[in-house]
């Protein structure tokens, strides 16, 4: 198997990470990989906000405040777990999408482009020896969280966070499903 497929087939989510995180040169590679994602219409919908070091744990407070403002406080055990988790994470990349302002390209295609960019970043982080995890917790779907992170509430959609760092523990092998359970093959109708 080629080294590329070793990376692709060896990648798995690694939630619990610690410093060191990517160097500036490594982060540059991760972000360059993000912008290689498909992008119908060259909309460039990707928006990323970097949160590093001592600023990372404050993300929990952003989610807590948004929950209180929405009248839906986050459960304390969830808050405690998020604080414990983020206390060691060296880098978070907040993900946002700015769909085509002209409306030429359907919004879902821009959302898919950001999802593809996130996957490229996850693969790039793995290729560089880091662990990474895509989270839609910490108030991702609550009003005010994206805006607090700098996303424009009118024109951009906040899509969650990537946490990246050095795995705390060696990842355990994950049993993957057989692709055949999720794939079918289409054939043209007879006589078509």
C-alpha atoms as a PDB file:
ATOM      1  CA  UNK A   1       0.000   0.000   0.000  1.00  0.00           C
ATOM      2  CA  UNK A   2       1.242   3.513  -0.723  1.00  0.00           C
ATOM      3  CA  UNK A   3       2.092   5.889   2.135  1.00  0.00           C
ATOM      4  CA  UNK A   4      -0.871   8.068   1.110  1.00  0.00           C
ATOM      5  CA  UNK A   5      -3.301   5.226   1.729  1.00  0.00           C
ATOM      6  CA  UNK A   6      -1.573   4.403   5.015  1.00  0.00           C
ATOM      7  CA  UNK A   7      -2.431   7.958   6.102  1.00  0.00           C
ATOM      8  CA  UNK A   8      -5.986   7.945   4.758  1.00  0.00           C
ATOM      9  CA  UNK A   9      -6.894   4.503   6.100  1.00  0.00           C
ATOM     10  CA  UNK A  10      -5.040   5.025   9.383  1.00  0.00           C
ATOM     11  CA  UNK A  11      -6.766   8.281  10.320  1.00  0.00           C
ATOM     12  CA  UNK A  12      -9.193   8.257  13.204  1.00  0.00           C
ATOM     13  CA  UNK A  13     -10.615  10.856  15.533  1.00  0.00           C
ATOM     14  CA  UNK A  14      -8.414  11.542  18.542  1.00  0.00           C
ATOM     15  CA  UNK A  15     -10.229  13.717  21.051  1.00  0.00           C
ATOM     16  CA  UNK A  16      -7.716  13.849  23.882  1.00  0.00           C
ATOM     17  CA  UNK A  17      -4.665  15.794  22.775  1.00  0.00           C
ATOM     18  CA  UNK A  18      -2.078  17.988  24.428  1.00  0.00           C
ATOM     19  CA  UNK A  19       0.851  20.243  23.562  1.00  0.00           C
ATOM     20  CA  UNK A  20       2.804  20.424  21.461  1.00  0.00           C
ATOM     21  CA  UNK A  21       0.456  21.435  18.724  1.00  0.00           C
ATOM     22  CA  UNK A  22       1.466  22.189  15.167  1.00  0.00           C
ATOM     23  CA  UNK A  23       4.281  24.646  14.574  1.00  0.00           C
ATOM     24  CA  UNK A  24       3.495  27.643  12.384  1.00  0.00           C
ATOM     25  CA  UNK A  25       4.973  25.816   9.368  1.00  0.00           C
ATOM     26  CA  UNK A  26       2.887  22.713  10.092  1.00  0.00           C
ATOM     27  CA  UNK A  27      -0.243  24.818  10.582  1.00  0.00           C
ATOM     28  CA  UNK A  28       0.487  26.467   7.241  1.00  0.00           C
ATOM     29  CA  UNK A  29       0.455  23.006   5.605  1.00  0.00           C
ATOM     30  CA  UNK A  30      -2.782  22.052   7.376  1.00  0.00           C
ATOM     31  CA  UNK A  31      -4.501  25.242   6.210  1.00  0.00           C
ATOM     32  CA  UNK A  32      -3.127  24.892   2.667  1.00  0.00           C
ATOM     33  CA  UNK A  33      -4.619  21.381   2.594  1.00  0.00           C
ATOM     34  CA  UNK A  34      -7.963  22.845   3.660  1.00  0.00           C
ATOM     35  CA  UNK A  35      -8.049  25.153   0.666  1.00  0.00           C
ATOM     36  CA  UNK A  36      -7.527  22.246  -1.732  1.00  0.00           C
ATOM     37  CA  UNK A  37     -11.100  21.109  -1.049  1.00  0.00           C
ATOM     38  CA  UNK A  38     -13.614  21.116  -3.917  1.00  0.00           C
ATOM     39  CA  UNK A  39     -15.320  24.475  -4.356  1.00  0.00           C
ATOM     40  CA  UNK A  40     -18.065  24.709  -6.983  1.00  0.00           C
ATOM     41  CA  UNK A  41     -18.132  28.169  -8.516  1.00  0.00           C
ATOM     42  CA  UNK A  42     -14.903  29.251  -6.769  1.00  0.00           C
ATOM     43  CA  UNK A  43     -17.028  30.706  -3.961  1.00  0.00           C
ATOM     44  CA  UNK A  44     -14.190  30.267  -1.410  1.00  0.00           C
ATOM     45  CA  UNK A  45     -16.715  29.675   1.396  1.00  0.00           C
ATOM     46  CA  UNK A  46     -14.128  28.653   3.981  1.00  0.00           C
ATOM     47  CA  UNK A  47     -13.762  30.765   7.100  1.00  0.00           C
ATOM     48  CA  UNK A  48     -11.453  29.640   9.914  1.00  0.00           C
ATOM     49  CA  UNK A  49     -10.638  31.189  13.273  1.00  0.00           C
ATOM     50  CA  UNK A  50      -7.549  30.004  15.153  1.00  0.00           C
ATOM     51  CA  UNK A  51      -7.770  29.673  18.929  1.00  0.00           C
ATOM     52  CA  UNK A  52      -4.495  28.785  20.621  1.00  0.00           C
ATOM     53  CA  UNK A  53      -2.949  28.062  23.976  1.00  0.00           C
ATOM     54  CA  UNK A  54      -4.445  29.860  26.960  1.00  0.00           C
ATOM     55  CA  UNK A  55      -7.414  31.084  24.883  1.00  0.00           C
ATOM     56  CA  UNK A  56      -8.687  27.551  24.176  1.00  0.00           C
ATOM     57  CA  UNK A  57     -10.339  26.859  27.580  1.00  0.00           C
ATOM     58  CA  UNK A  58     -12.316  30.118  27.272  1.00  0.00           C
ATOM     59  CA  UNK A  59     -14.344  28.466  24.501  1.00  0.00           C
ATOM     60  CA  UNK A  60     -16.292  26.641  27.203  1.00  0.00           C
ATOM     61  CA  UNK A  61     -17.364  29.958  28.715  1.00  0.00           C
ATOM     62  CA  UNK A  62     -18.576  31.126  25.296  1.00  0.00           C
ATOM     63  CA  UNK A  63     -20.810  28.038  25.050  1.00  0.00           C
ATOM     64  CA  UNK A  64     -22.023  28.373  28.651  1.00  0.00           C
ATOM     65  CA  UNK A  65     -22.981  32.033  28.157  1.00  0.00           C
ATOM     66  CA  UNK A  66     -24.779  31.249  24.893  1.00  0.00           C
ATOM     67  CA  UNK A  67     -26.735  28.467  26.601  1.00  0.00           C
ATOM     68  CA  UNK A  68     -27.783  30.782  29.412  1.00  0.00           C
ATOM     69  CA  UNK A  69     -28.788  33.508  26.935  1.00  0.00           C
ATOM     70  CA  UNK A  70     -30.892  30.978  25.006  1.00  0.00           C
ATOM     71  CA  UNK A  71     -32.601  29.773  28.180  1.00  0.00           C
ATOM     72  CA  UNK A  72     -31.022  26.354  27.671  1.00  0.00           C
ATOM     73  CA  UNK A  73     -28.146  26.098  30.128  1.00  0.00           C
ATOM     74  CA  UNK A  74     -25.593  23.431  29.307  1.00  0.00           C
ATOM     75  CA  UNK A  75     -25.676  20.544  31.803  1.00  0.00           C
ATOM     76  CA  UNK A  76     -22.926  20.916  34.401  1.00  0.00           C
ATOM     77  CA  UNK A  77     -21.381  17.488  33.704  1.00  0.00           C
ATOM     78  CA  UNK A  78     -21.054  18.493  30.034  1.00  0.00           C
ATOM     79  CA  UNK A  79     -19.439  21.795  31.045  1.00  0.00           C
ATOM     80  CA  UNK A  80     -17.040  20.008  33.401  1.00  0.00           C
ATOM     81  CA  UNK A  81     -16.072  17.478  30.724  1.00  0.00           C
ATOM     82  CA  UNK A  82     -15.490  20.242  28.170  1.00  0.00           C
ATOM     83  CA  UNK A  83     -13.300  22.172  30.633  1.00  0.00           C
ATOM     84  CA  UNK A  84     -11.237  19.072  31.370  1.00  0.00           C
ATOM     85  CA  UNK A  85     -10.885  18.250  27.681  1.00  0.00           C
ATOM     86  CA  UNK A  86      -9.959  21.755  26.482  1.00  0.00           C
ATOM     87  CA  UNK A  87      -7.551  22.428  29.338  1.00  0.00           C
ATOM     88  CA  UNK A  88      -4.868  20.534  27.392  1.00  0.00           C
ATOM     89  CA  UNK A  89      -5.797  21.224  23.752  1.00  0.00           C
ATOM     90  CA  UNK A  90      -3.125  23.474  22.171  1.00  0.00           C
ATOM     91  CA  UNK A  91      -5.025  24.473  19.009  1.00  0.00           C
ATOM     92  CA  UNK A  92      -8.645  24.773  17.993  1.00  0.00           C
ATOM     93  CA  UNK A  93      -9.711  25.778  14.512  1.00  0.00           C
ATOM     94  CA  UNK A  94     -13.262  27.141  14.497  1.00  0.00           C
ATOM     95  CA  UNK A  95     -14.994  26.334  11.212  1.00  0.00           C
ATOM     96  CA  UNK A  96     -17.293  28.684   9.365  1.00  0.00           C
ATOM     97  CA  UNK A  97     -18.977  28.870   5.986  1.00  0.00           C
ATOM     98  CA  UNK A  98     -19.787  31.930   3.904  1.00  0.00           C
ATOM     99  CA  UNK A  99     -22.152  30.717   1.179  1.00  0.00           C
ATOM    100  CA  UNK A 100     -22.207  32.372  -2.223  1.00  0.00           C
ATOM    101  CA  UNK A 101     -23.453  35.928  -1.612  1.00  0.00           C
ATOM    102  CA  UNK A 102     -24.740  36.083  -5.195  1.00  0.00           C
ATOM    103  CA  UNK A 103     -26.835  32.954  -4.664  1.00  0.00           C
ATOM    104  CA  UNK A 104     -25.471  31.247  -7.813  1.00  0.00           C
ATOM    105  CA  UNK A 105     -24.251  28.200  -5.898  1.00  0.00           C
ATOM    106  CA  UNK A 106     -26.666  26.396  -3.531  1.00  0.00           C
ATOM    107  CA  UNK A 107     -25.782  26.854   0.142  1.00  0.00           C
ATOM    108  CA  UNK A 108     -25.467  23.128   0.751  1.00  0.00           C
ATOM    109  CA  UNK A 109     -22.603  22.990  -1.757  1.00  0.00           C
ATOM    110  CA  UNK A 110     -20.688  25.601   0.219  1.00  0.00           C
ATOM    111  CA  UNK A 111     -21.342  23.692   3.438  1.00  0.00           C
ATOM    112  CA  UNK A 112     -20.015  20.543   1.763  1.00  0.00           C
ATOM    113  CA  UNK A 113     -16.924  22.478   0.631  1.00  0.00           C
ATOM    114  CA  UNK A 114     -16.207  23.498   4.224  1.00  0.00           C
ATOM    115  CA  UNK A 115     -16.786  19.905   5.341  1.00  0.00           C
ATOM    116  CA  UNK A 116     -14.307  18.735   2.703  1.00  0.00           C
ATOM    117  CA  UNK A 117     -11.826  21.370   3.903  1.00  0.00           C
ATOM    118  CA  UNK A 118     -12.252  20.126   7.476  1.00  0.00           C
ATOM    119  CA  UNK A 119     -11.578  16.556   6.324  1.00  0.00           C
ATOM    120  CA  UNK A 120      -8.454  17.714   4.506  1.00  0.00           C
ATOM    121  CA  UNK A 121      -7.265  19.387   7.716  1.00  0.00           C
ATOM    122  CA  UNK A 122      -7.966  16.235   9.735  1.00  0.00           C
ATOM    123  CA  UNK A 123      -5.992  14.162   7.216  1.00  0.00           C
ATOM    124  CA  UNK A 124      -3.146  16.690   7.099  1.00  0.00           C
ATOM    125  CA  UNK A 125      -2.917  16.791  10.897  1.00  0.00           C
ATOM    126  CA  UNK A 126      -2.804  12.985  10.968  1.00  0.00           C
ATOM    127  CA  UNK A 127      -0.137  12.912   8.234  1.00  0.00           C
ATOM    128  CA  UNK A 128       1.978  15.255  10.384  1.00  0.00           C
ATOM    129  CA  UNK A 129       1.638  12.954  13.402  1.00  0.00           C
ATOM    130  CA  UNK A 130      -1.028  14.890  15.303  1.00  0.00           C
ATOM    131  CA  UNK A 131      -4.350  13.778  16.671  1.00  0.00           C
ATOM    132  CA  UNK A 132      -7.450  15.744  15.740  1.00  0.00           C
ATOM    133  CA  UNK A 133     -11.153  15.775  16.522  1.00  0.00           C
ATOM    134  CA  UNK A 134     -14.120  17.586  14.945  1.00  0.00           C
ATOM    135  CA  UNK A 135     -16.544  18.738  17.624  1.00  0.00           C
ATOM    136  CA  UNK A 136     -19.975  20.284  17.219  1.00  0.00           C
ATOM    137  CA  UNK A 137     -20.381  20.652  20.959  1.00  0.00           C
ATOM    138  CA  UNK A 138     -19.683  23.692  23.138  1.00  0.00           C
ATOM    139  CA  UNK A 139     -22.666  25.602  21.826  1.00  0.00           C
ATOM    140  CA  UNK A 140     -22.015  25.207  18.108  1.00  0.00           C
ATOM    141  CA  UNK A 141     -25.730  25.469  17.342  1.00  0.00           C
ATOM    142  CA  UNK A 142     -26.535  28.228  19.835  1.00  0.00           C
ATOM    143  CA  UNK A 143     -26.973  31.836  18.746  1.00  0.00           C
ATOM    144  CA  UNK A 144     -24.065  34.054  19.659  1.00  0.00           C
ATOM    145  CA  UNK A 145     -21.257  31.477  19.707  1.00  0.00           C
ATOM    146  CA  UNK A 146     -20.169  31.986  16.112  1.00  0.00           C
ATOM    147  CA  UNK A 147     -20.478  35.747  16.456  1.00  0.00           C
ATOM    148  CA  UNK A 148     -18.323  35.751  19.591  1.00  0.00           C
ATOM    149  CA  UNK A 149     -15.644  33.910  17.607  1.00  0.00           C
ATOM    150  CA  UNK A 150     -15.781  36.518  14.841  1.00  0.00           C
ATOM    151  CA  UNK A 151     -18.131  34.919  12.312  1.00  0.00           C
ATOM    152  CA  UNK A 152     -20.630  37.290  10.706  1.00  0.00           C
ATOM    153  CA  UNK A 153     -24.106  36.311  11.928  1.00  0.00           C
ATOM    154  CA  UNK A 154     -25.773  37.552   8.745  1.00  0.00           C
ATOM    155  CA  UNK A 155     -23.503  36.060   6.108  1.00  0.00           C
ATOM    156  CA  UNK A 156     -21.629  33.176   7.727  1.00  0.00           C
ATOM    157  CA  UNK A 157     -22.557  29.911   9.381  1.00  0.00           C
ATOM    158  CA  UNK A 158     -20.542  28.502  12.297  1.00  0.00           C
ATOM    159  CA  UNK A 159     -19.910  24.748  11.866  1.00  0.00           C
ATOM    160  CA  UNK A 160     -17.925  23.578  14.891  1.00  0.00           C
ATOM    161  CA  UNK A 161     -14.349  23.137  15.970  1.00  0.00           C
ATOM    162  CA  UNK A 162     -11.291  21.072  15.115  1.00  0.00           C
ATOM    163  CA  UNK A 163      -9.090  20.320  18.121  1.00  0.00           C
ATOM    164  CA  UNK A 164      -5.515  19.460  17.122  1.00  0.00           C
ATOM    165  CA  UNK A 165      -2.516  18.383  19.177  1.00  0.00           C
ATOM    166  CA  UNK A 166      -0.311  15.507  20.241  1.00  0.00           C
ATOM    167  CA  UNK A 167      -2.320  12.443  21.290  1.00  0.00           C
ATOM    168  CA  UNK A 168      -2.245  11.919  25.056  1.00  0.00           C
ATOM    169  CA  UNK A 169      -2.604   8.153  24.628  1.00  0.00           C
ATOM    170  CA  UNK A 170      -1.852   5.974  21.642  1.00  0.00           C
ATOM    171  CA  UNK A 171      -5.064   5.629  19.633  1.00  0.00           C
ATOM    172  CA  UNK A 172      -6.711   2.227  19.876  1.00  0.00           C
ATOM    173  CA  UNK A 173      -7.480   0.546  16.569  1.00  0.00           C
ATOM    174  CA  UNK A 174     -11.045   1.211  15.479  1.00  0.00           C
ATOM    175  CA  UNK A 175     -13.054  -1.458  13.728  1.00  0.00           C
ATOM    176  CA  UNK A 176     -14.346   0.084  10.541  1.00  0.00           C
ATOM    177  CA  UNK A 177     -17.491  -1.008   8.716  1.00  0.00           C
ATOM    178  CA  UNK A 178     -17.270  -2.806   5.401  1.00  0.00           C
ATOM    179  CA  UNK A 179     -17.797  -0.304   2.595  1.00  0.00           C
ATOM    180  CA  UNK A 180     -19.994  -2.825   0.803  1.00  0.00           C
ATOM    181  CA  UNK A 181     -22.690  -2.227   3.416  1.00  0.00           C
ATOM    182  CA  UNK A 182     -22.993   1.392   2.266  1.00  0.00           C
ATOM    183  CA  UNK A 183     -22.505   1.194  -1.486  1.00  0.00           C
ATOM    184  CA  UNK A 184     -24.840   0.097  -4.248  1.00  0.00           C
ATOM    185  CA  UNK A 185     -24.338   0.053  -7.972  1.00  0.00           C
ATOM    186  CA  UNK A 186     -26.737   1.597 -10.454  1.00  0.00           C
ATOM    187  CA  UNK A 187     -27.345   0.222 -13.939  1.00  0.00           C
ATOM    188  CA  UNK A 188     -29.220   1.898 -16.768  1.00  0.00           C
ATOM    189  CA  UNK A 189     -32.709   0.461 -17.305  1.00  0.00           C
ATOM    190  CA  UNK A 190     -32.907  -2.145 -20.055  1.00  0.00           C
ATOM    191  CA  UNK A 191     -33.553  -0.536 -23.403  1.00  0.00           C
ATOM    192  CA  UNK A 192     -32.419   2.932 -22.312  1.00  0.00           C
END
